Amino acid sequence: MSSPVPPDHRNADPLHGITLKALLQWLVDHYGWAELGRRVPINCFLHEPSLNSSLKFLRRTPWAREKVEALYIASRR
């Protein structure tokens, strides 16, 4: 049996509580689609980008999602 986590203990995961949609929207607002496509060169950012199509791709493609999440973490520091 594990001990309860103290209420003031912060989760070590920097993505805790952040949805993929919120993360992607922040990146688009911060960089814009063109710069986002330059930093993470995937087709859903480079050719007719949209939030919905990008979310659909990122949810199905773990390697691309990892790159986007890493950029978000690095950008927020």
Protein backbone atom coordinates (compact mmCIF):
# COMPACT_ATOMS: atom_id res chain seq x y z
CA MET A 1 0.00 0.00 0.00
CA SER A 2 1.42 3.38 -0.96
CA SER A 3 1.39 6.42 1.25
CA PRO A 4 -0.87 9.32 0.29
CA VAL A 5 0.68 12.20 -1.62
CA PRO A 6 0.82 15.42 0.39
CA PRO A 7 -1.57 18.08 -1.00
CA ASP A 8 1.28 20.53 -1.63
CA HIS A 9 3.29 18.01 -3.69
CA ARG A 10 3.48 19.13 -7.31
CA ASN A 11 3.42 16.62 -10.12
CA ALA A 12 6.85 16.34 -11.75
CA ASP A 13 5.31 15.92 -15.21
CA PRO A 14 5.44 19.33 -16.97
CA LEU A 15 2.48 18.30 -19.16
CA HIS A 16 0.26 17.31 -16.24
CA GLY A 17 -3.20 18.81 -16.67
CA ILE A 18 -2.53 20.23 -20.15
CA THR A 19 -4.59 18.90 -23.02
CA LEU A 20 -3.04 18.32 -26.42
CA LYS A 21 -5.44 20.91 -27.85
CA ALA A 22 -4.34 23.57 -25.33
CA LEU A 23 -0.68 22.73 -25.89
CA LEU A 24 -1.00 22.98 -29.68
CA GLN A 25 -3.04 26.18 -29.49
CA TRP A 26 -0.36 27.77 -27.29
CA LEU A 27 2.36 26.77 -29.80
CA VAL A 28 0.37 28.17 -32.74
CA ASP A 29 -0.30 31.42 -30.87
CA HIS A 30 3.36 31.67 -29.84
CA TYR A 31 5.08 30.66 -33.10
CA GLY A 32 2.47 30.66 -35.86
CA TRP A 33 2.01 27.77 -38.27
CA ALA A 34 5.00 28.63 -40.48
CA GLU A 35 7.51 28.71 -37.62
CA LEU A 36 5.93 25.67 -35.99
CA GLY A 37 6.36 23.79 -39.27
CA ARG A 38 9.97 24.88 -39.44
CA ARG A 39 10.68 23.70 -35.90
CA VAL A 40 8.69 20.45 -36.23
CA PRO A 41 8.63 19.66 -39.96
CA ILE A 42 5.53 17.50 -40.32
CA ASN A 43 3.01 17.84 -43.14
CA CYS A 44 0.08 18.78 -40.93
CA PHE A 45 1.99 21.96 -39.98
CA LEU A 46 3.44 22.66 -43.43
CA HIS A 47 0.54 22.11 -45.86
CA GLU A 48 -2.86 23.72 -45.17
CA PRO A 49 -2.49 23.52 -41.38
CA SER A 50 -5.48 23.51 -39.08
CA LEU A 51 -5.93 22.79 -35.43
CA ASN A 52 -8.32 19.89 -36.02
CA SER A 53 -6.27 18.09 -38.66
CA SER A 54 -3.10 18.54 -36.61
CA LEU A 55 -4.76 17.18 -33.47
CA LYS A 56 -6.03 14.16 -35.39
CA PHE A 57 -2.55 13.43 -36.75
CA LEU A 58 -0.77 13.97 -33.42
CA ARG A 59 -3.19 11.68 -31.57
CA ARG A 60 -2.44 8.87 -34.05
CA THR A 61 1.32 9.45 -34.34
CA PRO A 62 3.31 9.07 -31.11
CA TRP A 63 6.69 10.17 -32.51
CA ALA A 64 5.23 13.44 -33.82
CA ARG A 65 3.36 14.10 -30.58
CA GLU A 66 6.60 13.59 -28.62
CA LYS A 67 8.35 16.21 -30.76
CA VAL A 68 5.53 18.71 -30.30
CA GLU A 69 5.40 18.09 -26.54
CA ALA A 70 9.19 18.51 -26.30
CA LEU A 71 8.99 21.83 -28.15
CA TYR A 72 6.22 23.00 -25.81
CA ILE A 73 8.24 22.09 -22.72
CA ALA A 74 11.39 23.79 -24.07
CA SER A 75 9.43 26.89 -25.11
CA ARG A 76 7.72 27.31 -21.74
CA ARG A 77 11.02 27.36 -19.82
